[in-house]
Amino acid sequence: MPRWARGWPEALKARAARYALQRWLGPFLEEPLRLEQLGLDLRGGTGTLRELRLRAAAVDELLAEAGAPLELREGGVGAVTVTVPWAALGTEPVRLRLSRLRLVLSPRQPGAPDAGSPPAGGAQQGRAPLPEPPPLEGLEALALTIDSVLRRLQVLLDEAELRVELPPQ
């Protein structure tokens, strides 16, 4: 377990985890996360989110940016479990298990936004994007660590249902 989490009451750990997850995942979820949906064992390195309904428009925006020919109509996940090997984080993979993933997709309609069109609110034409500020030394090390962990991420789909609905002809 990370040093920063030792000594915190379990209820506080759960609330902090829910806050962070809501901040990162909230735009992609139909409803705010509830504590009942969160199972957390920081010492054991596991966390589980249950019964998530996806916000189709937000997920579809990511699909469109990636140039996907399909759009998301509705979706949900029965459970997402993350296992973090704290003692061997630099050498062992972080495991992500998606159970009962359900996605209903349809072909992207002509004229719908795609990867070829500029994102709404993007950079103004004729202006070069602003250069990124140089990273802070500690943040750069953290970013490299996160990148190293994500390169070894293992994802397992358990009971996935992908359905493509064709428009009536």
N, C-alpha and C. Protein backbone atom coordinates (compact mmCIF):
# COMPACT_ATOMS: atom_id res chain seq x y z
N MET A 1 0.85 -1.17 0.00
CA MET A 1 0.00 0.00 0.00
C MET A 1 0.89 1.24 0.00
N PRO A 2 0.51 2.28 -0.74
CA PRO A 2 1.34 3.48 -0.76
C PRO A 2 1.40 4.14 0.63
N ARG A 3 2.52 4.80 0.90
CA ARG A 3 2.72 5.43 2.21
C ARG A 3 1.67 6.48 2.51
N TRP A 4 1.22 7.23 1.50
CA TRP A 4 0.28 8.31 1.74
C TRP A 4 -1.06 7.81 2.26
N ALA A 5 -1.40 6.55 2.00
CA ALA A 5 -2.71 6.03 2.40
C ALA A 5 -2.69 5.38 3.78
N ARG A 6 -1.53 5.13 4.34
CA ARG A 6 -1.46 4.48 5.66
C ARG A 6 -2.01 5.42 6.72
N GLY A 7 -2.76 4.85 7.64
CA GLY A 7 -3.28 5.65 8.74
C GLY A 7 -4.59 6.36 8.44
N TRP A 8 -5.03 6.37 7.20
CA TRP A 8 -6.31 7.00 6.87
C TRP A 8 -7.43 6.03 7.23
N PRO A 9 -8.53 6.53 7.79
CA PRO A 9 -9.67 5.64 8.02
C PRO A 9 -10.23 5.14 6.68
N GLU A 10 -10.78 3.93 6.70
CA GLU A 10 -11.30 3.33 5.47
C GLU A 10 -12.36 4.19 4.80
N ALA A 11 -13.23 4.81 5.59
CA ALA A 11 -14.29 5.66 5.02
C ALA A 11 -13.69 6.85 4.28
N LEU A 12 -12.62 7.41 4.82
CA LEU A 12 -11.97 8.55 4.16
C LEU A 12 -11.28 8.11 2.87
N LYS A 13 -10.65 6.93 2.88
CA LYS A 13 -10.03 6.39 1.67
C LYS A 13 -11.08 6.19 0.59
N ALA A 14 -12.23 5.63 0.96
CA ALA A 14 -13.29 5.38 -0.01
C ALA A 14 -13.81 6.69 -0.58
N ARG A 15 -14.00 7.70 0.25
CA ARG A 15 -14.49 8.99 -0.23
C ARG A 15 -13.47 9.68 -1.14
N ALA A 16 -12.19 9.58 -0.78
CA ALA A 16 -11.14 10.17 -1.62
C ALA A 16 -11.08 9.46 -2.97
N ALA A 17 -11.19 8.13 -2.95
CA ALA A 17 -11.17 7.37 -4.20
C ALA A 17 -12.38 7.72 -5.06
N ARG A 18 -13.55 7.82 -4.43
CA ARG A 18 -14.76 8.16 -5.18
C ARG A 18 -14.62 9.55 -5.81
N TYR A 19 -14.08 10.50 -5.06
CA TYR A 19 -13.88 11.85 -5.58
C TYR A 19 -12.96 11.83 -6.80
N ALA A 20 -11.83 11.14 -6.69
CA ALA A 20 -10.87 11.09 -7.80
C ALA A 20 -11.48 10.39 -9.01
N LEU A 21 -12.16 9.26 -8.78
CA LEU A 21 -12.77 8.53 -9.88
C LEU A 21 -13.88 9.33 -10.54
N GLN A 22 -14.67 10.04 -9.74
CA GLN A 22 -15.74 10.87 -10.29
C GLN A 22 -15.14 11.97 -11.15
N ARG A 23 -14.04 12.52 -10.71
CA ARG A 23 -13.38 13.60 -11.46
C ARG A 23 -12.88 13.09 -12.82
N TRP A 24 -12.31 11.88 -12.85
CA TRP A 24 -11.75 11.33 -14.09
C TRP A 24 -12.81 10.68 -14.96
N LEU A 25 -13.70 9.92 -14.34
CA LEU A 25 -14.67 9.13 -15.11
C LEU A 25 -16.04 9.79 -15.24
N GLY A 26 -16.33 10.75 -14.37
CA GLY A 26 -17.64 11.38 -14.32
C GLY A 26 -18.21 11.82 -15.66
N PRO A 27 -17.41 12.46 -16.52
CA PRO A 27 -17.96 12.89 -17.81
C PRO A 27 -18.44 11.73 -18.68
N PHE A 28 -18.00 10.51 -18.40
CA PHE A 28 -18.36 9.35 -19.22
C PHE A 28 -19.46 8.50 -18.59
N LEU A 29 -19.97 8.94 -17.43
CA LEU A 29 -20.98 8.16 -16.71
C LEU A 29 -22.31 8.90 -16.69
N GLU A 30 -23.40 8.14 -16.79
CA GLU A 30 -24.75 8.72 -16.75
C GLU A 30 -25.07 9.32 -15.39
N GLU A 31 -24.58 8.70 -14.33
CA GLU A 31 -24.92 9.11 -12.97
C GLU A 31 -23.64 9.28 -12.16
N PRO A 32 -23.65 10.16 -11.17
CA PRO A 32 -22.48 10.27 -10.30
C PRO A 32 -22.23 8.96 -9.55
N LEU A 33 -20.96 8.70 -9.27
CA LEU A 33 -20.60 7.48 -8.52
C LEU A 33 -21.13 7.57 -7.09
N ARG A 34 -21.59 6.44 -6.59
CA ARG A 34 -22.04 6.34 -5.21
C ARG A 34 -21.06 5.43 -4.46
N LEU A 35 -20.93 5.65 -3.18
CA LEU A 35 -20.01 4.83 -2.38
C LEU A 35 -20.36 3.36 -2.45
N GLU A 36 -21.66 3.04 -2.60
CA GLU A 36 -22.08 1.64 -2.68
C GLU A 36 -21.53 0.94 -3.93
N GLN A 37 -21.19 1.73 -4.95
CA GLN A 37 -20.67 1.15 -6.19
C GLN A 37 -19.17 0.85 -6.10
N LEU A 38 -18.53 1.33 -5.07
CA LEU A 38 -17.07 1.27 -4.95
C LEU A 38 -16.66 0.25 -3.90
N GLY A 39 -15.81 -0.68 -4.31
CA GLY A 39 -15.18 -1.61 -3.38
C GLY A 39 -13.69 -1.31 -3.41
N LEU A 40 -13.08 -1.10 -2.25
CA LEU A 40 -11.70 -0.64 -2.23
C LEU A 40 -10.90 -1.40 -1.17
N ASP A 41 -9.76 -1.92 -1.59
CA ASP A 41 -8.81 -2.56 -0.68
C ASP A 41 -7.42 -2.06 -1.08
N LEU A 42 -7.05 -0.89 -0.59
CA LEU A 42 -5.76 -0.31 -0.98
C LEU A 42 -4.59 -1.18 -0.54
N ARG A 43 -4.69 -1.77 0.64
CA ARG A 43 -3.61 -2.63 1.13
C ARG A 43 -3.40 -3.81 0.18
N GLY A 44 -4.51 -4.41 -0.28
CA GLY A 44 -4.43 -5.54 -1.21
C GLY A 44 -4.23 -5.11 -2.65
N GLY A 45 -4.35 -3.82 -2.93
CA GLY A 45 -4.12 -3.31 -4.27
C GLY A 45 -5.27 -3.53 -5.24
N THR A 46 -6.51 -3.60 -4.72
CA THR A 46 -7.64 -3.79 -5.62
C THR A 46 -8.70 -2.73 -5.39
N GLY A 47 -9.40 -2.46 -6.46
CA GLY A 47 -10.54 -1.55 -6.41
C GLY A 47 -11.55 -2.00 -7.44
N THR A 48 -12.84 -1.90 -7.10
CA THR A 48 -13.89 -2.33 -8.01
C THR A 48 -14.98 -1.28 -8.06
N LEU A 49 -15.45 -1.01 -9.26
CA LEU A 49 -16.63 -0.18 -9.50
C LEU A 49 -17.70 -1.07 -10.08
N ARG A 50 -18.93 -0.94 -9.61
CA ARG A 50 -20.02 -1.81 -10.06
C ARG A 50 -21.16 -1.01 -10.68
N GLU A 51 -21.81 -1.66 -11.64
CA GLU A 51 -23.03 -1.16 -12.27
C GLU A 51 -22.89 0.28 -12.77
N LEU A 52 -22.08 0.44 -13.81
CA LEU A 52 -21.85 1.74 -14.41
C LEU A 52 -22.62 1.86 -15.71
N ARG A 53 -23.37 2.92 -15.86
CA ARG A 53 -24.04 3.22 -17.14
C ARG A 53 -23.24 4.31 -17.83
N LEU A 54 -22.87 4.04 -19.07
CA LEU A 54 -22.04 4.97 -19.82
C LEU A 54 -22.88 6.09 -20.44
N ARG A 55 -22.34 7.30 -20.45
CA ARG A 55 -22.97 8.43 -21.15
C ARG A 55 -22.54 8.32 -22.61
N ALA A 56 -23.47 7.88 -23.43
CA ALA A 56 -23.17 7.54 -24.82
C ALA A 56 -22.52 8.70 -25.57
N ALA A 57 -23.03 9.91 -25.42
CA ALA A 57 -22.50 11.05 -26.18
C ALA A 57 -21.04 11.31 -25.86
N ALA A 58 -20.66 11.20 -24.60
CA ALA A 58 -19.27 11.46 -24.21
C ALA A 58 -18.33 10.39 -24.74
N VAL A 59 -18.75 9.13 -24.64
CA VAL A 59 -17.91 8.04 -25.14
C VAL A 59 -17.84 8.12 -26.67
N ASP A 60 -18.97 8.45 -27.30
CA ASP A 60 -19.00 8.54 -28.75
C ASP A 60 -18.07 9.65 -29.27
N GLU A 61 -17.93 10.71 -28.51
CA GLU A 61 -17.02 11.78 -28.91
C GLU A 61 -15.58 11.25 -29.03
N LEU A 62 -15.19 10.39 -28.07
CA LEU A 62 -13.85 9.77 -28.14
C LEU A 62 -13.74 8.86 -29.36
N LEU A 63 -14.80 8.10 -29.63
CA LEU A 63 -14.79 7.21 -30.81
C LEU A 63 -14.67 8.02 -32.09
N ALA A 64 -15.39 9.13 -32.17
CA ALA A 64 -15.34 9.98 -33.36
C ALA A 64 -13.94 10.56 -33.56
N GLU A 65 -13.33 11.02 -32.47
CA GLU A 65 -11.97 11.58 -32.56
C GLU A 65 -10.97 10.52 -33.02
N ALA A 66 -11.22 9.26 -32.68
CA ALA A 66 -10.33 8.17 -33.09
C ALA A 66 -10.64 7.69 -34.51
N GLY A 67 -11.68 8.26 -35.13
CA GLY A 67 -12.02 7.88 -36.50
C GLY A 67 -12.81 6.58 -36.59
N ALA A 68 -13.47 6.18 -35.51
CA ALA A 68 -14.24 4.93 -35.51
C ALA A 68 -15.45 5.06 -36.43
N PRO A 69 -15.74 4.03 -37.22
CA PRO A 69 -16.89 4.08 -38.13
C PRO A 69 -18.21 3.80 -37.41
N LEU A 70 -18.14 3.49 -36.11
CA LEU A 70 -19.34 3.19 -35.34
C LEU A 70 -19.53 4.24 -34.26
N GLU A 71 -20.80 4.45 -33.88
CA GLU A 71 -21.08 5.36 -32.77
C GLU A 71 -21.78 4.60 -31.66
N LEU A 72 -21.56 5.02 -30.44
CA LEU A 72 -22.15 4.35 -29.29
C LEU A 72 -23.56 4.87 -29.06
N ARG A 73 -24.51 3.96 -28.96
CA ARG A 73 -25.91 4.31 -28.67
C ARG A 73 -26.19 4.20 -27.18
N GLU A 74 -25.70 3.13 -26.56
CA GLU A 74 -25.84 2.95 -25.12
C GLU A 74 -24.80 1.94 -24.67
N GLY A 75 -24.50 1.97 -23.38
CA GLY A 75 -23.51 1.03 -22.88
C GLY A 75 -23.47 1.01 -21.37
N GLY A 76 -22.89 -0.04 -20.86
CA GLY A 76 -22.75 -0.20 -19.43
C GLY A 76 -21.71 -1.25 -19.10
N VAL A 77 -21.27 -1.23 -17.86
CA VAL A 77 -20.29 -2.19 -17.37
C VAL A 77 -20.80 -2.71 -16.04
N GLY A 78 -20.87 -4.04 -15.91
CA GLY A 78 -21.29 -4.64 -14.64
C GLY A 78 -20.27 -4.38 -13.55
N ALA A 79 -18.99 -4.54 -13.85
CA ALA A 79 -17.93 -4.30 -12.86
C ALA A 79 -16.61 -4.01 -13.56
N VAL A 80 -15.85 -3.10 -12.98
CA VAL A 80 -14.49 -2.80 -13.40
C VAL A 80 -13.62 -3.05 -12.18
N THR A 81 -12.67 -3.96 -12.30
CA THR A 81 -11.77 -4.26 -11.19
C THR A 81 -10.35 -3.96 -11.61
N VAL A 82 -9.66 -3.20 -10.80
CA VAL A 82 -8.26 -2.86 -11.03
C VAL A 82 -7.43 -3.52 -9.94
N THR A 83 -6.37 -4.19 -10.35
CA THR A 83 -5.44 -4.81 -9.39
C THR A 83 -4.07 -4.18 -9.60
N VAL A 84 -3.56 -3.54 -8.55
CA VAL A 84 -2.28 -2.85 -8.61
C VAL A 84 -1.28 -3.59 -7.73
N PRO A 85 -0.19 -4.11 -8.31
CA PRO A 85 0.82 -4.81 -7.51
C PRO A 85 1.80 -3.81 -6.88
N TRP A 86 1.41 -3.23 -5.74
CA TRP A 86 2.21 -2.16 -5.14
C TRP A 86 3.67 -2.54 -4.95
N ALA A 87 3.94 -3.76 -4.51
CA ALA A 87 5.32 -4.17 -4.21
C ALA A 87 6.18 -4.32 -5.46
N ALA A 88 5.54 -4.56 -6.61
CA ALA A 88 6.30 -4.77 -7.85
C ALA A 88 5.72 -3.91 -8.98
N LEU A 89 5.35 -2.68 -8.65
CA LEU A 89 4.69 -1.81 -9.62
C LEU A 89 5.53 -1.56 -10.86
N GLY A 90 6.83 -1.51 -10.72
CA GLY A 90 7.70 -1.26 -11.87
C GLY A 90 7.92 -2.46 -12.76
N THR A 91 7.59 -3.67 -12.27
CA THR A 91 7.88 -4.87 -13.05
C THR A 91 6.64 -5.70 -13.37
N GLU A 92 5.64 -5.68 -12.50
CA GLU A 92 4.41 -6.46 -12.71
C GLU A 92 3.36 -5.57 -13.38
N PRO A 93 2.49 -6.16 -14.19
CA PRO A 93 1.46 -5.35 -14.84
C PRO A 93 0.31 -5.00 -13.90
N VAL A 94 -0.28 -3.84 -14.13
CA VAL A 94 -1.55 -3.49 -13.50
C VAL A 94 -2.62 -4.20 -14.32
N ARG A 95 -3.57 -4.84 -13.65
CA ARG A 95 -4.60 -5.60 -14.35
C ARG A 95 -5.94 -4.90 -14.23
N LEU A 96 -6.63 -4.81 -15.36
CA LEU A 96 -7.94 -4.19 -15.44
C LEU A 96 -8.90 -5.23 -15.98
N ARG A 97 -9.93 -5.56 -15.21
CA ARG A 97 -10.91 -6.57 -15.63
C ARG A 97 -12.26 -5.90 -15.79
N LEU A 98 -12.83 -5.99 -17.00
CA LEU A 98 -14.16 -5.47 -17.29
C LEU A 98 -15.10 -6.65 -17.37
N SER A 99 -16.10 -6.68 -16.50
CA SER A 99 -17.07 -7.77 -16.49
C SER A 99 -18.42 -7.25 -16.94
N ARG A 100 -19.09 -8.06 -17.73
CA ARG A 100 -20.42 -7.74 -18.24
C ARG A 100 -20.46 -6.39 -18.96
N LEU A 101 -19.49 -6.20 -19.85
CA LEU A 101 -19.47 -5.01 -20.70
C LEU A 101 -20.56 -5.15 -21.75
N ARG A 102 -21.37 -4.13 -21.90
CA ARG A 102 -22.46 -4.14 -22.88
C ARG A 102 -22.42 -2.84 -23.66
N LEU A 103 -22.21 -2.96 -24.98
CA LEU A 103 -22.17 -1.79 -25.86
C LEU A 103 -23.14 -2.00 -27.02
N VAL A 104 -23.97 -1.02 -27.28
CA VAL A 104 -24.86 -1.02 -28.43
C VAL A 104 -24.33 0.06 -29.37
N LEU A 105 -23.93 -0.36 -30.56
CA LEU A 105 -23.30 0.53 -31.53
C LEU A 105 -24.14 0.59 -32.80
N SER A 106 -23.91 1.64 -33.57
CA SER A 106 -24.54 1.73 -34.90
C SER A 106 -23.54 2.40 -35.83
N PRO A 107 -23.71 2.21 -37.14
CA PRO A 107 -22.80 2.87 -38.08
C PRO A 107 -22.91 4.39 -37.93
N ARG A 108 -21.77 5.05 -38.02
CA ARG A 108 -21.76 6.52 -37.93
C ARG A 108 -22.48 7.09 -39.14
N GLN A 109 -23.37 8.01 -38.90
CA GLN A 109 -24.17 8.61 -39.98
C GLN A 109 -23.32 9.56 -40.80
N PRO A 110 -23.58 9.64 -42.13
CA PRO A 110 -22.85 10.61 -42.96
C PRO A 110 -23.07 12.02 -42.43
N GLY A 111 -22.00 12.79 -42.40
CA GLY A 111 -22.09 14.15 -41.91
C GLY A 111 -21.87 14.26 -40.42
N ALA A 112 -21.79 13.13 -39.73
CA ALA A 112 -21.52 13.16 -38.28
C ALA A 112 -20.05 13.50 -38.08
N PRO A 113 -19.70 14.08 -36.94
CA PRO A 113 -18.29 14.42 -36.71
C PRO A 113 -17.41 13.19 -36.76
N ASP A 114 -16.22 13.36 -37.32
CA ASP A 114 -15.26 12.25 -37.37
C ASP A 114 -13.87 12.77 -37.11
N ALA A 115 -12.90 11.88 -37.22
CA ALA A 115 -11.52 12.25 -36.90
C ALA A 115 -10.98 13.29 -37.86
N GLY A 116 -11.56 13.41 -39.05
CA GLY A 116 -11.06 14.37 -40.03
C GLY A 116 -11.52 15.78 -39.76
N SER A 117 -12.55 15.96 -38.97
CA SER A 117 -13.04 17.30 -38.71
C SER A 117 -12.40 17.83 -37.44
N PRO A 118 -12.15 19.16 -37.40
CA PRO A 118 -11.52 19.71 -36.20
C PRO A 118 -12.48 19.64 -35.02
N PRO A 119 -11.95 19.37 -33.83
CA PRO A 119 -12.82 19.32 -32.66
C PRO A 119 -13.40 20.69 -32.36
N ALA A 120 -14.62 20.70 -31.83
CA ALA A 120 -15.27 21.95 -31.49
C ALA A 120 -14.44 22.68 -30.44
N GLY A 121 -14.29 23.99 -30.61
CA GLY A 121 -13.53 24.77 -29.64
C GLY A 121 -12.04 24.55 -29.74
N GLY A 122 -11.57 24.01 -30.86
CA GLY A 122 -10.14 23.74 -31.02
C GLY A 122 -9.35 24.99 -31.30
N ALA A 123 -8.10 24.80 -31.73
CA ALA A 123 -7.22 25.93 -32.00
C ALA A 123 -7.79 26.78 -33.13
N GLN A 124 -7.61 28.07 -33.01
CA GLN A 124 -8.10 28.97 -34.05
C GLN A 124 -7.23 28.82 -35.28
N GLN A 125 -7.87 29.00 -36.46
CA GLN A 125 -7.13 28.86 -37.71
C GLN A 125 -6.10 29.98 -37.82
N GLY A 126 -4.95 29.64 -38.39
CA GLY A 126 -3.91 30.63 -38.63
C GLY A 126 -3.02 30.88 -37.42
N ARG A 127 -3.31 30.29 -36.31
CA ARG A 127 -2.49 30.48 -35.11
C ARG A 127 -1.81 29.18 -34.74
N ALA A 128 -0.56 29.27 -34.42
CA ALA A 128 0.17 28.09 -33.98
C ALA A 128 -0.24 27.79 -32.53
N PRO A 129 -0.31 26.50 -32.18
CA PRO A 129 -0.66 26.19 -30.80
C PRO A 129 0.41 26.70 -29.85
N LEU A 130 0.00 27.04 -28.64
CA LEU A 130 0.94 27.54 -27.66
C LEU A 130 1.90 26.42 -27.26
N PRO A 131 3.19 26.75 -27.11
CA PRO A 131 4.14 25.70 -26.71
C PRO A 131 3.84 25.27 -25.28
N GLU A 132 4.09 23.98 -25.02
CA GLU A 132 3.88 23.47 -23.66
C GLU A 132 4.99 24.00 -22.76
N PRO A 133 4.62 24.38 -21.54
CA PRO A 133 5.68 24.82 -20.62
C PRO A 133 6.56 23.64 -20.26
N PRO A 134 7.82 23.91 -19.92
CA PRO A 134 8.70 22.79 -19.55
C PRO A 134 8.15 22.11 -18.29
N PRO A 135 8.19 20.78 -18.26
CA PRO A 135 7.64 20.07 -17.09
C PRO A 135 8.49 20.30 -15.86
N LEU A 136 7.83 20.27 -14.72
CA LEU A 136 8.56 20.34 -13.47
C LEU A 136 9.27 19.02 -13.25
N GLU A 137 10.41 19.08 -12.61
CA GLU A 137 11.25 17.88 -12.46
C GLU A 137 10.50 16.72 -11.81
N GLY A 138 9.80 16.95 -10.72
CA GLY A 138 9.07 15.90 -10.03
C GLY A 138 7.91 15.38 -10.86
N LEU A 139 7.21 16.28 -11.56
CA LEU A 139 6.09 15.86 -12.40
C LEU A 139 6.56 15.04 -13.58
N GLU A 140 7.72 15.37 -14.12
CA GLU A 140 8.26 14.59 -15.23
C GLU A 140 8.57 13.16 -14.78
N ALA A 141 9.13 13.01 -13.61
CA ALA A 141 9.42 11.67 -13.08
C ALA A 141 8.12 10.90 -12.86
N LEU A 142 7.10 11.57 -12.32
CA LEU A 142 5.81 10.93 -12.12
C LEU A 142 5.20 10.51 -13.46
N ALA A 143 5.27 11.38 -14.45
CA ALA A 143 4.73 11.05 -15.78
C ALA A 143 5.44 9.85 -16.38
N LEU A 144 6.75 9.76 -16.22
CA LEU A 144 7.50 8.61 -16.74
C LEU A 144 7.09 7.33 -16.02
N THR A 145 6.86 7.42 -14.72
CA THR A 145 6.43 6.25 -13.95
C THR A 145 5.07 5.78 -14.42
N ILE A 146 4.13 6.72 -14.56
CA ILE A 146 2.79 6.37 -15.03
C ILE A 146 2.86 5.76 -16.43
N ASP A 147 3.66 6.33 -17.30
CA ASP A 147 3.82 5.80 -18.65
C ASP A 147 4.36 4.37 -18.61
N SER A 148 5.33 4.12 -17.75
CA SER A 148 5.90 2.78 -17.61
C SER A 148 4.84 1.79 -17.14
N VAL A 149 4.01 2.20 -16.19
CA VAL A 149 2.95 1.33 -15.67
C VAL A 149 1.92 1.05 -16.76
N LEU A 150 1.50 2.07 -17.49
CA LEU A 150 0.46 1.90 -18.50
C LEU A 150 0.92 1.06 -19.69
N ARG A 151 2.22 1.02 -19.97
CA ARG A 151 2.72 0.19 -21.06
C ARG A 151 2.56 -1.30 -20.75
N ARG A 152 2.48 -1.63 -19.46
CA ARG A 152 2.32 -3.02 -19.06
C ARG A 152 0.89 -3.33 -18.60
N LEU A 153 -0.04 -2.45 -18.85
CA LEU A 153 -1.43 -2.66 -18.44
C LEU A 153 -2.02 -3.87 -19.14
N GLN A 154 -2.63 -4.77 -18.38
CA GLN A 154 -3.32 -5.93 -18.95
C GLN A 154 -4.81 -5.72 -18.77
N VAL A 155 -5.57 -5.90 -19.86
CA VAL A 155 -7.02 -5.73 -19.83
C VAL A 155 -7.67 -7.06 -20.17
N LEU A 156 -8.62 -7.47 -19.34
CA LEU A 156 -9.37 -8.69 -19.55
C LEU A 156 -10.84 -8.35 -19.66
N LEU A 157 -11.48 -8.81 -20.74
CA LEU A 157 -12.92 -8.65 -20.91
C LEU A 157 -13.58 -9.96 -20.52
N ASP A 158 -14.55 -9.87 -19.64
CA ASP A 158 -15.25 -11.04 -19.14
C ASP A 158 -16.74 -10.82 -19.40
N GLU A 159 -17.34 -11.66 -20.24
CA GLU A 159 -18.76 -11.54 -20.59
C GLU A 159 -19.05 -10.21 -21.30
N ALA A 160 -18.47 -10.00 -22.44
CA ALA A 160 -18.70 -8.78 -23.21
C ALA A 160 -19.76 -9.01 -24.28
N GLU A 161 -20.67 -8.06 -24.41
CA GLU A 161 -21.70 -8.09 -25.44
C GLU A 161 -21.58 -6.82 -26.27
N LEU A 162 -21.23 -6.99 -27.54
CA LEU A 162 -21.17 -5.88 -28.47
C LEU A 162 -22.24 -6.11 -29.53
N ARG A 163 -23.16 -5.17 -29.63
CA ARG A 163 -24.25 -5.32 -30.58
C ARG A 163 -24.22 -4.13 -31.53
N VAL A 164 -24.26 -4.43 -32.83
CA VAL A 164 -24.31 -3.38 -33.85
C VAL A 164 -25.70 -3.37 -34.44
N GLU A 165 -26.39 -2.25 -34.32
CA GLU A 165 -27.73 -2.10 -34.84
C GLU A 165 -27.67 -1.31 -36.14
N LEU A 166 -28.15 -1.93 -37.20
CA LEU A 166 -28.15 -1.27 -38.51
C LEU A 166 -29.42 -0.45 -38.65
N PRO A 167 -29.34 0.70 -39.32
CA PRO A 167 -30.53 1.53 -39.51
C PRO A 167 -31.50 0.82 -40.48
N PRO A 168 -32.82 1.06 -40.34
CA PRO A 168 -33.79 0.44 -41.25
C PRO A 168 -33.54 0.95 -42.68
N GLN A 169 -33.77 0.08 -43.63
CA GLN A 169 -33.54 0.49 -45.03
C GLN A 169 -34.85 0.73 -45.75
